[in-house]
Amino acid sequence: MTRRDFSERDIHMALDGELPVDERVAYDAWLEAVPEMKARRDRYVADRAALRAAFAGVLDEPVPVRLQNI
């Protein structure tokens, strides 16, 4: 396996489920080797959870008609 440096973009791709499966093992190893990026990923995970909790009451509501064609 060829090692590559990952970036913040890769963190977002992984969180969104868009990081290619064949890169996941290397990505996980990179996070373990670069603690500041692992901490950043953990903050993004926490932020995502907080946003979901804050908007849980409206996430499944239909988009108002007045906003559908913006």
PDB file of N, CA and C in Angstrom:
ATOM      1  N   MET A   1       0.846  -1.184   0.000  1.00  0.00           N
ATOM      2  CA  MET A   1       0.000   0.000   0.000  1.00  0.00           C
ATOM      3  C   MET A   1       0.886   1.239   0.000  1.00  0.00           C
ATOM      4  N   THR A   2       0.592   2.165  -0.849  1.00  0.00           N
ATOM      5  CA  THR A   2       1.332   3.410  -0.920  1.00  0.00           C
ATOM      6  C   THR A   2       0.747   4.390   0.083  1.00  0.00           C
ATOM      7  N   ARG A   3       1.629   4.975   0.892  1.00  0.00           N
ATOM      8  CA  ARG A   3       1.161   5.950   1.873  1.00  0.00           C
ATOM      9  C   ARG A   3       0.977   7.286   1.175  1.00  0.00           C
ATOM     10  N   ARG A   4      -0.082   7.944   1.534  1.00  0.00           N
ATOM     11  CA  ARG A   4      -0.271   9.291   1.006  1.00  0.00           C
ATOM     12  C   ARG A   4      -0.692  10.194   2.136  1.00  0.00           C
ATOM     13  N   ASP A   5      -0.433  11.463   1.980  1.00  0.00           N
ATOM     14  CA  ASP A   5      -0.884  12.426   2.969  1.00  0.00           C
ATOM     15  C   ASP A   5      -2.324  12.783   2.656  1.00  0.00           C
ATOM     16  N   PHE A   6      -3.110  12.794   3.682  1.00  0.00           N
ATOM     17  CA  PHE A   6      -4.500  13.181   3.535  1.00  0.00           C
ATOM     18  C   PHE A   6      -4.641  14.636   3.943  1.00  0.00           C
ATOM     19  N   SER A   7      -5.806  15.194   3.722  1.00  0.00           N
ATOM     20  CA  SER A   7      -6.030  16.602   4.006  1.00  0.00           C
ATOM     21  C   SER A   7      -7.369  16.782   4.716  1.00  0.00           C
ATOM     22  N   GLU A   8      -7.648  18.018   5.042  1.00  0.00           N
ATOM     23  CA  GLU A   8      -8.939  18.335   5.652  1.00  0.00           C
ATOM     24  C   GLU A   8     -10.081  17.945   4.711  1.00  0.00           C
ATOM     25  N   ARG A   9      -9.861  18.085   3.447  1.00  0.00           N
ATOM     26  CA  ARG A   9     -10.875  17.677   2.457  1.00  0.00           C
ATOM     27  C   ARG A   9     -11.200  16.191   2.604  1.00  0.00           C
ATOM     28  N   ASP A  10     -10.167  15.391   2.824  1.00  0.00           N
ATOM     29  CA  ASP A  10     -10.379  13.956   3.008  1.00  0.00           C
ATOM     30  C   ASP A  10     -11.180  13.668   4.276  1.00  0.00           C
ATOM     31  N   ILE A  11     -10.954  14.466   5.309  1.00  0.00           N
ATOM     32  CA  ILE A  11     -11.744  14.300   6.538  1.00  0.00           C
ATOM     33  C   ILE A  11     -13.219  14.491   6.210  1.00  0.00           C
ATOM     34  N   HIS A  12     -13.535  15.550   5.488  1.00  0.00           N
ATOM     35  CA  HIS A  12     -14.934  15.808   5.129  1.00  0.00           C
ATOM     36  C   HIS A  12     -15.483  14.706   4.230  1.00  0.00           C
ATOM     37  N   MET A  13     -14.669  14.241   3.305  1.00  0.00           N
ATOM     38  CA  MET A  13     -15.122  13.148   2.437  1.00  0.00           C
ATOM     39  C   MET A  13     -15.431  11.902   3.262  1.00  0.00           C
ATOM     40  N   ALA A  14     -14.571  11.591   4.227  1.00  0.00           N
ATOM     41  CA  ALA A  14     -14.798  10.414   5.073  1.00  0.00           C
ATOM     42  C   ALA A  14     -16.073  10.587   5.893  1.00  0.00           C
ATOM     43  N   LEU A  15     -16.267  11.759   6.465  1.00  0.00           N
ATOM     44  CA  LEU A  15     -17.464  11.999   7.276  1.00  0.00           C
ATOM     45  C   LEU A  15     -18.738  11.933   6.441  1.00  0.00           C
ATOM     46  N   ASP A  16     -18.629  12.302   5.181  1.00  0.00           N
ATOM     47  CA  ASP A  16     -19.790  12.267   4.285  1.00  0.00           C
ATOM     48  C   ASP A  16     -19.952  10.920   3.591  1.00  0.00           C
ATOM     49  N   GLY A  17     -19.062   9.975   3.897  1.00  0.00           N
ATOM     50  CA  GLY A  17     -19.134   8.652   3.273  1.00  0.00           C
ATOM     51  C   GLY A  17     -18.646   8.635   1.843  1.00  0.00           C
ATOM     52  N   GLU A  18     -17.852   9.627   1.452  1.00  0.00           N
ATOM     53  CA  GLU A  18     -17.394   9.749   0.071  1.00  0.00           C
ATOM     54  C   GLU A  18     -15.924   9.368  -0.127  1.00  0.00           C
ATOM     55  N   LEU A  19     -15.222   9.030   0.953  1.00  0.00           N
ATOM     56  CA  LEU A  19     -13.833   8.604   0.806  1.00  0.00           C
ATOM     57  C   LEU A  19     -13.832   7.201   0.219  1.00  0.00           C
ATOM     58  N   PRO A  20     -13.065   6.980  -0.847  1.00  0.00           N
ATOM     59  CA  PRO A  20     -13.049   5.646  -1.452  1.00  0.00           C
ATOM     60  C   PRO A  20     -12.702   4.565  -0.425  1.00  0.00           C
ATOM     61  N   VAL A  21     -13.407   3.459  -0.504  1.00  0.00           N
ATOM     62  CA  VAL A  21     -13.233   2.359   0.446  1.00  0.00           C
ATOM     63  C   VAL A  21     -11.783   1.886   0.485  1.00  0.00           C
ATOM     64  N   ASP A  22     -11.129   1.857  -0.667  1.00  0.00           N
ATOM     65  CA  ASP A  22      -9.752   1.368  -0.711  1.00  0.00           C
ATOM     66  C   ASP A  22      -8.759   2.319  -0.048  1.00  0.00           C
ATOM     67  N   GLU A  23      -9.182   3.514   0.330  1.00  0.00           N
ATOM     68  CA  GLU A  23      -8.309   4.462   1.019  1.00  0.00           C
ATOM     69  C   GLU A  23      -8.586   4.517   2.517  1.00  0.00           C
ATOM     70  N   ARG A  24      -9.610   3.845   2.968  1.00  0.00           N
ATOM     71  CA  ARG A  24     -10.054   3.979   4.358  1.00  0.00           C
ATOM     72  C   ARG A  24      -9.011   3.502   5.369  1.00  0.00           C
ATOM     73  N   VAL A  25      -8.356   2.383   5.122  1.00  0.00           N
ATOM     74  CA  VAL A  25      -7.351   1.875   6.066  1.00  0.00           C
ATOM     75  C   VAL A  25      -6.197   2.869   6.188  1.00  0.00           C
ATOM     76  N   ALA A  26      -5.730   3.380   5.059  1.00  0.00           N
ATOM     77  CA  ALA A  26      -4.642   4.359   5.078  1.00  0.00           C
ATOM     78  C   ALA A  26      -5.084   5.643   5.763  1.00  0.00           C
ATOM     79  N   TYR A  27      -6.308   6.048   5.532  1.00  0.00           N
ATOM     80  CA  TYR A  27      -6.851   7.253   6.170  1.00  0.00           C
ATOM     81  C   TYR A  27      -6.890   7.079   7.684  1.00  0.00           C
ATOM     82  N   ASP A  28      -7.395   5.942   8.153  1.00  0.00           N
ATOM     83  CA  ASP A  28      -7.459   5.685   9.595  1.00  0.00           C
ATOM     84  C   ASP A  28      -6.062   5.685  10.212  1.00  0.00           C
ATOM     85  N   ALA A  29      -5.093   5.102   9.512  1.00  0.00           N
ATOM     86  CA  ALA A  29      -3.712   5.097   9.998  1.00  0.00           C
ATOM     87  C   ALA A  29      -3.159   6.518  10.049  1.00  0.00           C
ATOM     88  N   TRP A  30      -3.496   7.319   9.046  1.00  0.00           N
ATOM     89  CA  TRP A  30      -3.060   8.715   9.013  1.00  0.00           C
ATOM     90  C   TRP A  30      -3.615   9.476  10.206  1.00  0.00           C
ATOM     91  N   LEU A  31      -4.893   9.267  10.519  1.00  0.00           N
ATOM     92  CA  LEU A  31      -5.477   9.943  11.678  1.00  0.00           C
ATOM     93  C   LEU A  31      -4.747   9.566  12.962  1.00  0.00           C
ATOM     94  N   GLU A  32      -4.387   8.308  13.092  1.00  0.00           N
ATOM     95  CA  GLU A  32      -3.655   7.867  14.284  1.00  0.00           C
ATOM     96  C   GLU A  32      -2.262   8.493  14.340  1.00  0.00           C
ATOM     97  N   ALA A  33      -1.662   8.730  13.187  1.00  0.00           N
ATOM     98  CA  ALA A  33      -0.305   9.284  13.123  1.00  0.00           C
ATOM     99  C   ALA A  33      -0.273  10.801  13.240  1.00  0.00           C
ATOM    100  N   VAL A  34      -1.406  11.454  12.994  1.00  0.00           N
ATOM    101  CA  VAL A  34      -1.463  12.920  13.011  1.00  0.00           C
ATOM    102  C   VAL A  34      -2.557  13.340  14.002  1.00  0.00           C
ATOM    103  N   PRO A  35      -2.206  13.402  15.295  1.00  0.00           N
ATOM    104  CA  PRO A  35      -3.214  13.643  16.329  1.00  0.00           C
ATOM    105  C   PRO A  35      -4.004  14.941  16.159  1.00  0.00           C
ATOM    106  N   GLU A  36      -3.377  15.973  15.624  1.00  0.00           N
ATOM    107  CA  GLU A  36      -4.116  17.232  15.472  1.00  0.00           C
ATOM    108  C   GLU A  36      -5.232  17.097  14.432  1.00  0.00           C
ATOM    109  N   MET A  37      -5.013  16.282  13.405  1.00  0.00           N
ATOM    110  CA  MET A  37      -6.075  16.069  12.414  1.00  0.00           C
ATOM    111  C   MET A  37      -7.152  15.136  12.961  1.00  0.00           C
ATOM    112  N   LYS A  38      -6.761  14.191  13.786  1.00  0.00           N
ATOM    113  CA  LYS A  38      -7.750  13.336  14.436  1.00  0.00           C
ATOM    114  C   LYS A  38      -8.625  14.176  15.371  1.00  0.00           C
ATOM    115  N   ALA A  39      -8.006  15.107  16.098  1.00  0.00           N
ATOM    116  CA  ALA A  39      -8.766  15.996  16.979  1.00  0.00           C
ATOM    117  C   ALA A  39      -9.705  16.881  16.166  1.00  0.00           C
ATOM    118  N   ARG A  40      -9.239  17.348  15.016  1.00  0.00           N
ATOM    119  CA  ARG A  40     -10.084  18.167  14.147  1.00  0.00           C
ATOM    120  C   ARG A  40     -11.282  17.349  13.664  1.00  0.00           C
ATOM    121  N   ARG A  41     -11.017  16.104  13.230  1.00  0.00           N
ATOM    122  CA  ARG A  41     -12.103  15.217  12.804  1.00  0.00           C
ATOM    123  C   ARG A  41     -13.109  15.021  13.939  1.00  0.00           C
ATOM    124  N   ASP A  42     -12.591  14.816  15.156  1.00  0.00           N
ATOM    125  CA  ASP A  42     -13.473  14.619  16.309  1.00  0.00           C
ATOM    126  C   ASP A  42     -14.334  15.851  16.572  1.00  0.00           C
ATOM    127  N   ARG A  43     -13.772  17.042  16.367  1.00  0.00           N
ATOM    128  CA  ARG A  43     -14.567  18.272  16.530  1.00  0.00           C
ATOM    129  C   ARG A  43     -15.665  18.352  15.471  1.00  0.00           C
ATOM    130  N   TYR A  44     -15.347  17.971  14.240  1.00  0.00           N
ATOM    131  CA  TYR A  44     -16.361  17.975  13.183  1.00  0.00           C
ATOM    132  C   TYR A  44     -17.482  16.990  13.502  1.00  0.00           C
ATOM    133  N   VAL A  45     -17.118  15.828  14.032  1.00  0.00           N
ATOM    134  CA  VAL A  45     -18.128  14.833  14.414  1.00  0.00           C
ATOM    135  C   VAL A  45     -19.025  15.412  15.507  1.00  0.00           C
ATOM    136  N   ALA A  46     -18.421  16.065  16.495  1.00  0.00           N
ATOM    137  CA  ALA A  46     -19.194  16.671  17.582  1.00  0.00           C
ATOM    138  C   ALA A  46     -20.079  17.801  17.060  1.00  0.00           C
ATOM    139  N   ASP A  47     -19.543  18.624  16.168  1.00  0.00           N
ATOM    140  CA  ASP A  47     -20.335  19.714  15.581  1.00  0.00           C
ATOM    141  C   ASP A  47     -21.531  19.165  14.815  1.00  0.00           C
ATOM    142  N   ARG A  48     -21.302  18.119  14.044  1.00  0.00           N
ATOM    143  CA  ARG A  48     -22.382  17.508  13.268  1.00  0.00           C
ATOM    144  C   ARG A  48     -23.481  16.989  14.198  1.00  0.00           C
ATOM    145  N   ALA A  49     -23.079  16.338  15.284  1.00  0.00           N
ATOM    146  CA  ALA A  49     -24.052  15.810  16.247  1.00  0.00           C
ATOM    147  C   ALA A  49     -24.833  16.943  16.907  1.00  0.00           C
ATOM    148  N   ALA A  50     -24.142  18.027  17.248  1.00  0.00           N
ATOM    149  CA  ALA A  50     -24.811  19.168  17.875  1.00  0.00           C
ATOM    150  C   ALA A  50     -25.808  19.818  16.917  1.00  0.00           C
ATOM    151  N   LEU A  51     -25.440  19.955  15.657  1.00  0.00           N
ATOM    152  CA  LEU A  51     -26.354  20.536  14.669  1.00  0.00           C
ATOM    153  C   LEU A  51     -27.576  19.651  14.455  1.00  0.00           C
ATOM    154  N   ARG A  52     -27.346  18.350  14.377  1.00  0.00           N
ATOM    155  CA  ARG A  52     -28.480  17.428  14.211  1.00  0.00           C
ATOM    156  C   ARG A  52     -29.420  17.516  15.408  1.00  0.00           C
ATOM    157  N   ALA A  53     -28.855  17.588  16.604  1.00  0.00           N
ATOM    158  CA  ALA A  53     -29.683  17.683  17.808  1.00  0.00           C
ATOM    159  C   ALA A  53     -30.449  19.004  17.836  1.00  0.00           C
ATOM    160  N   ALA A  54     -29.786  20.081  17.453  1.00  0.00           N
ATOM    161  CA  ALA A  54     -30.423  21.397  17.487  1.00  0.00           C
ATOM    162  C   ALA A  54     -31.577  21.509  16.497  1.00  0.00           C
ATOM    163  N   PHE A  55     -31.452  20.837  15.361  1.00  0.00           N
ATOM    164  CA  PHE A  55     -32.469  20.954  14.322  1.00  0.00           C
ATOM    165  C   PHE A  55     -33.298  19.694  14.139  1.00  0.00           C
ATOM    166  N   ALA A  56     -33.227  18.787  15.091  1.00  0.00           N
ATOM    167  CA  ALA A  56     -33.945  17.510  14.981  1.00  0.00           C
ATOM    168  C   ALA A  56     -35.439  17.707  14.772  1.00  0.00           C
ATOM    169  N   GLY A  57     -35.991  18.738  15.357  1.00  0.00           N
ATOM    170  CA  GLY A  57     -37.426  18.975  15.243  1.00  0.00           C
ATOM    171  C   GLY A  57     -37.885  19.410  13.864  1.00  0.00           C
ATOM    172  N   VAL A  58     -36.980  19.906  13.043  1.00  0.00           N
ATOM    173  CA  VAL A  58     -37.392  20.411  11.733  1.00  0.00           C
ATOM    174  C   VAL A  58     -36.760  19.669  10.552  1.00  0.00           C
ATOM    175  N   LEU A  59     -35.851  18.757  10.823  1.00  0.00           N
ATOM    176  CA  LEU A  59     -35.150  18.074   9.734  1.00  0.00           C
ATOM    177  C   LEU A  59     -36.073  17.312   8.797  1.00  0.00           C
ATOM    178  N   ASP A  60     -37.155  16.788   9.324  1.00  0.00           N
ATOM    179  CA  ASP A  60     -38.063  15.991   8.498  1.00  0.00           C
ATOM    180  C   ASP A  60     -39.276  16.770   8.000  1.00  0.00           C
ATOM    181  N   GLU A  61     -39.333  18.054   8.323  1.00  0.00           N
ATOM    182  CA  GLU A  61     -40.443  18.870   7.835  1.00  0.00           C
ATOM    183  C   GLU A  61     -40.265  19.137   6.340  1.00  0.00           C
ATOM    184  N   PRO A  62     -41.368  19.258   5.616  1.00  0.00           N
ATOM    185  CA  PRO A  62     -41.251  19.592   4.193  1.00  0.00           C
ATOM    186  C   PRO A  62     -40.722  21.020   4.021  1.00  0.00           C
ATOM    187  N   VAL A  63     -40.047  21.234   2.913  1.00  0.00           N
ATOM    188  CA  VAL A  63     -39.551  22.574   2.594  1.00  0.00           C
ATOM    189  C   VAL A  63     -40.755  23.436   2.236  1.00  0.00           C
ATOM    190  N   PRO A  64     -40.879  24.616   2.856  1.00  0.00           N
ATOM    191  CA  PRO A  64     -42.006  25.492   2.525  1.00  0.00           C
ATOM    192  C   PRO A  64     -42.020  25.829   1.030  1.00  0.00           C
ATOM    193  N   VAL A  65     -43.198  25.923   0.466  1.00  0.00           N
ATOM    194  CA  VAL A  65     -43.357  26.191  -0.964  1.00  0.00           C
ATOM    195  C   VAL A  65     -42.607  27.454  -1.369  1.00  0.00           C
ATOM    196  N   ARG A  66     -42.668  28.486  -0.553  1.00  0.00           N
ATOM    197  CA  ARG A  66     -42.018  29.755  -0.894  1.00  0.00           C
ATOM    198  C   ARG A  66     -40.502  29.628  -1.009  1.00  0.00           C
ATOM    199  N   LEU A  67     -39.927  28.567  -0.477  1.00  0.00           N
ATOM    200  CA  LEU A  67     -38.483  28.373  -0.537  1.00  0.00           C
ATOM    201  C   LEU A  67     -38.053  27.322  -1.557  1.00  0.00           C
ATOM    202  N   GLN A  68     -38.984  26.629  -2.141  1.00  0.00           N
ATOM    203  CA  GLN A  68     -38.648  25.523  -3.027  1.00  0.00           C
ATOM    204  C   GLN A  68     -38.013  25.951  -4.344  1.00  0.00           C
ATOM    205  N   ASN A  69     -38.283  27.127  -4.808  1.00  0.00           N
ATOM    206  CA  ASN A  69     -37.774  27.559  -6.113  1.00  0.00           C
ATOM    207  C   ASN A  69     -36.724  28.653  -6.012  1.00  0.00           C
ATOM    208  N   ILE A  70     -36.082  28.738  -4.905  1.00  0.00           N
ATOM    209  CA  ILE A  70     -35.056  29.780  -4.738  1.00  0.00           C
ATOM    210  C   ILE A  70     -33.797  29.361  -5.452  1.00  0.00           C
TER     211      ILE A  70
END
